[in-house]
Amino acid sequence: MVDFSVVPAALRANVKLLQQASENWQRAYSELNNRQLAEDALGLLAKMAGVPSAYNAALHDVADKIRRGSEMLAAAADALGAVAAEYERKDEEYAKKFGYIGDGMPDRPPTPTTPSGPAPDLPEASWQSGRSSTGIVEALSAPPPGHQSG
């Protein structure tokens, strides 16, 4: 069975990325918006051929599209932020409903019990102790084979 879980923190990270992209596009718009050519900037022949006018029209079109893109990115960030807030609200609501938030919230899962009493102590899981059961961390932090420091 496929699990479709939503992680509000991941949504929030994407909100930040969208906001940064929107800000970058807004800066690009600000830079381009003030770069029009004067009619005589390229000389008489270019002026007679309409080059500055064509350039300014194209520049205006591109700058306008960048401005609209910035607005769309900002709107997407706002919408995604609202989605993240809704999921956070629902998560909190469910946590309260099932007793995971409030005075009765344990700082760790309850001790499992058996019909004859408490379950026997189990070895600490490697992820709890910071040890890697597969040696991945050790393998990544070790120097490559044949490497000589110095």
Protein backbone atom coordinates (compact mmCIF):
# COMPACT_ATOMS: atom_id res chain seq x y z
CA MET A 1 0.00 0.00 0.00
CA VAL A 2 1.31 3.45 -0.89
CA ASP A 3 1.53 5.99 1.91
CA PHE A 4 0.85 9.60 1.03
CA SER A 5 2.01 11.53 4.07
CA VAL A 6 2.27 15.29 4.22
CA VAL A 7 5.15 16.82 6.14
CA PRO A 8 4.30 20.44 7.01
CA ALA A 9 7.99 21.27 7.62
CA ALA A 10 8.78 20.21 4.04
CA LEU A 11 5.97 22.43 2.80
CA ARG A 12 7.40 25.33 4.82
CA ALA A 13 10.85 24.75 3.29
CA ASN A 14 9.30 24.99 -0.16
CA VAL A 15 7.46 28.17 0.85
CA LYS A 16 10.85 29.74 1.62
CA LEU A 17 12.23 28.62 -1.74
CA LEU A 18 9.25 30.10 -3.58
CA GLN A 19 9.60 33.37 -1.64
CA GLN A 20 13.30 33.56 -2.48
CA ALA A 21 12.58 32.89 -6.15
CA SER A 22 9.91 35.61 -6.13
CA GLU A 23 12.35 38.07 -4.56
CA ASN A 24 15.02 37.20 -7.14
CA TRP A 25 12.55 37.71 -9.98
CA GLN A 26 11.49 41.03 -8.43
CA ARG A 27 15.13 42.16 -8.34
CA ALA A 28 15.53 41.16 -12.00
CA TYR A 29 12.42 43.15 -12.86
CA SER A 30 13.75 46.20 -11.01
CA GLU A 31 17.04 45.99 -12.91
CA LEU A 32 15.44 45.55 -16.32
CA ASN A 33 12.68 48.08 -15.82
CA ASN A 34 15.17 50.97 -15.75
CA ARG A 35 17.25 49.99 -18.78
CA GLN A 36 15.40 51.72 -21.63
CA LEU A 37 17.40 53.21 -24.47
CA ALA A 38 17.07 56.85 -25.43
CA GLU A 39 15.98 57.28 -29.05
CA ASP A 40 19.40 58.63 -30.06
CA ALA A 41 21.46 56.21 -27.90
CA LEU A 42 22.61 54.12 -30.89
CA GLY A 43 22.98 56.91 -33.41
CA LEU A 44 20.93 58.35 -36.25
CA LEU A 45 20.75 55.20 -38.42
CA ALA A 46 19.51 53.06 -35.52
CA LYS A 47 17.01 55.76 -34.63
CA MET A 48 15.74 55.88 -38.23
CA ALA A 49 15.47 52.07 -38.28
CA GLY A 50 13.50 52.11 -35.03
CA VAL A 51 16.00 49.96 -33.13
CA PRO A 52 15.72 51.80 -29.78
CA SER A 53 11.92 51.71 -29.94
CA ALA A 54 11.91 47.99 -30.76
CA TYR A 55 14.42 47.32 -27.98
CA ASN A 56 12.37 49.30 -25.46
CA ALA A 57 9.17 47.48 -26.46
CA ALA A 58 10.85 44.08 -26.09
CA LEU A 59 12.40 45.14 -22.79
CA HIS A 60 9.02 46.28 -21.49
CA ASP A 61 7.45 42.95 -22.54
CA VAL A 62 10.18 40.87 -20.85
CA ALA A 63 10.17 43.03 -17.70
CA ASP A 64 6.37 42.77 -17.47
CA LYS A 65 6.51 38.97 -17.77
CA ILE A 66 9.19 38.79 -15.08
CA ARG A 67 7.08 41.02 -12.81
CA ARG A 68 4.03 38.79 -13.33
CA GLY A 69 6.19 35.71 -12.72
CA SER A 70 7.37 37.20 -9.43
CA GLU A 71 3.77 37.84 -8.42
CA MET A 72 2.80 34.26 -9.33
CA LEU A 73 5.69 32.83 -7.31
CA ALA A 74 4.68 34.98 -4.33
CA ALA A 75 1.05 33.82 -4.69
CA ALA A 76 2.21 30.19 -4.86
CA ALA A 77 4.28 30.72 -1.69
CA ASP A 78 1.26 32.21 0.08
CA ALA A 79 -1.00 29.35 -1.03
CA LEU A 80 1.52 26.69 -0.03
CA GLY A 81 1.99 28.46 3.31
CA ALA A 82 -1.77 28.28 3.86
CA VAL A 83 -1.72 24.56 3.05
CA ALA A 84 1.14 24.01 5.50
CA ALA A 85 -0.73 25.96 8.18
CA GLU A 86 -3.84 23.84 7.63
CA TYR A 87 -1.86 20.60 7.93
CA GLU A 88 -0.14 21.92 11.07
CA ARG A 89 -3.53 22.85 12.53
CA LYS A 90 -4.92 19.39 11.73
CA ASP A 91 -1.84 17.67 13.18
CA GLU A 92 -2.21 19.67 16.39
CA GLU A 93 -5.95 18.97 16.51
CA TYR A 94 -5.37 15.22 16.15
CA ALA A 95 -2.53 15.28 18.66
CA LYS A 96 -4.78 16.97 21.23
CA LYS A 97 -7.66 14.64 20.42
CA PHE A 98 -5.55 11.54 21.00
CA GLY A 99 -3.73 12.91 24.06
CA TYR A 100 -0.32 13.66 22.58
CA ILE A 101 -0.40 17.32 23.57
CA GLY A 102 -1.11 18.72 27.01
CA ASP A 103 -0.36 17.82 30.60
CA GLY A 104 -0.68 14.10 29.99
CA MET A 105 1.75 13.96 27.08
CA PRO A 106 4.56 11.54 27.88
CA ASP A 107 8.11 12.49 26.98
CA ARG A 108 8.58 9.01 25.54
CA PRO A 109 6.38 6.09 24.57
CA PRO A 110 4.89 4.07 27.45
CA THR A 111 6.75 0.98 28.62
CA PRO A 112 5.28 -2.07 26.91
CA THR A 113 3.72 -4.65 29.18
CA THR A 114 3.09 -8.37 28.95
CA PRO A 115 0.42 -10.41 30.75
CA SER A 116 3.01 -11.21 33.44
CA GLY A 117 4.12 -7.60 33.99
CA PRO A 118 6.50 -5.13 32.38
CA ALA A 119 8.31 -6.19 29.25
CA PRO A 120 11.98 -7.07 29.66
CA ASP A 121 14.52 -4.34 28.96
CA LEU A 122 15.39 -4.20 25.30
CA PRO A 123 18.73 -3.04 23.94
CA GLU A 124 18.85 0.60 23.00
CA ALA A 125 18.16 1.14 19.30
CA SER A 126 21.15 2.39 17.33
CA TRP A 127 19.26 5.43 16.06
CA GLN A 128 18.58 6.50 19.67
CA SER A 129 22.19 6.23 20.73
CA GLY A 130 23.62 7.97 17.68
CA ARG A 131 25.43 4.81 16.60
CA SER A 132 25.02 3.67 13.04
CA SER A 133 23.95 0.07 12.76
CA THR A 134 25.06 -0.10 9.15
CA GLY A 135 28.33 1.77 9.45
CA ILE A 136 27.28 4.38 6.88
CA VAL A 137 28.39 7.33 9.00
CA GLU A 138 31.71 5.69 9.73
CA ALA A 139 32.23 4.84 6.06
CA LEU A 140 31.45 8.40 4.96
CA SER A 141 33.69 10.02 7.54
CA ALA A 142 36.66 7.71 6.98
CA PRO A 143 39.39 8.80 4.55
CA PRO A 144 39.34 7.06 1.17
CA PRO A 145 41.45 3.91 0.82
CA GLY A 146 45.09 4.71 0.08
CA HIS A 147 44.70 8.31 1.31
CA GLN A 148 47.71 9.67 3.15
CA SER A 149 47.27 12.76 5.25
CA GLY A 150 50.03 15.19 5.33
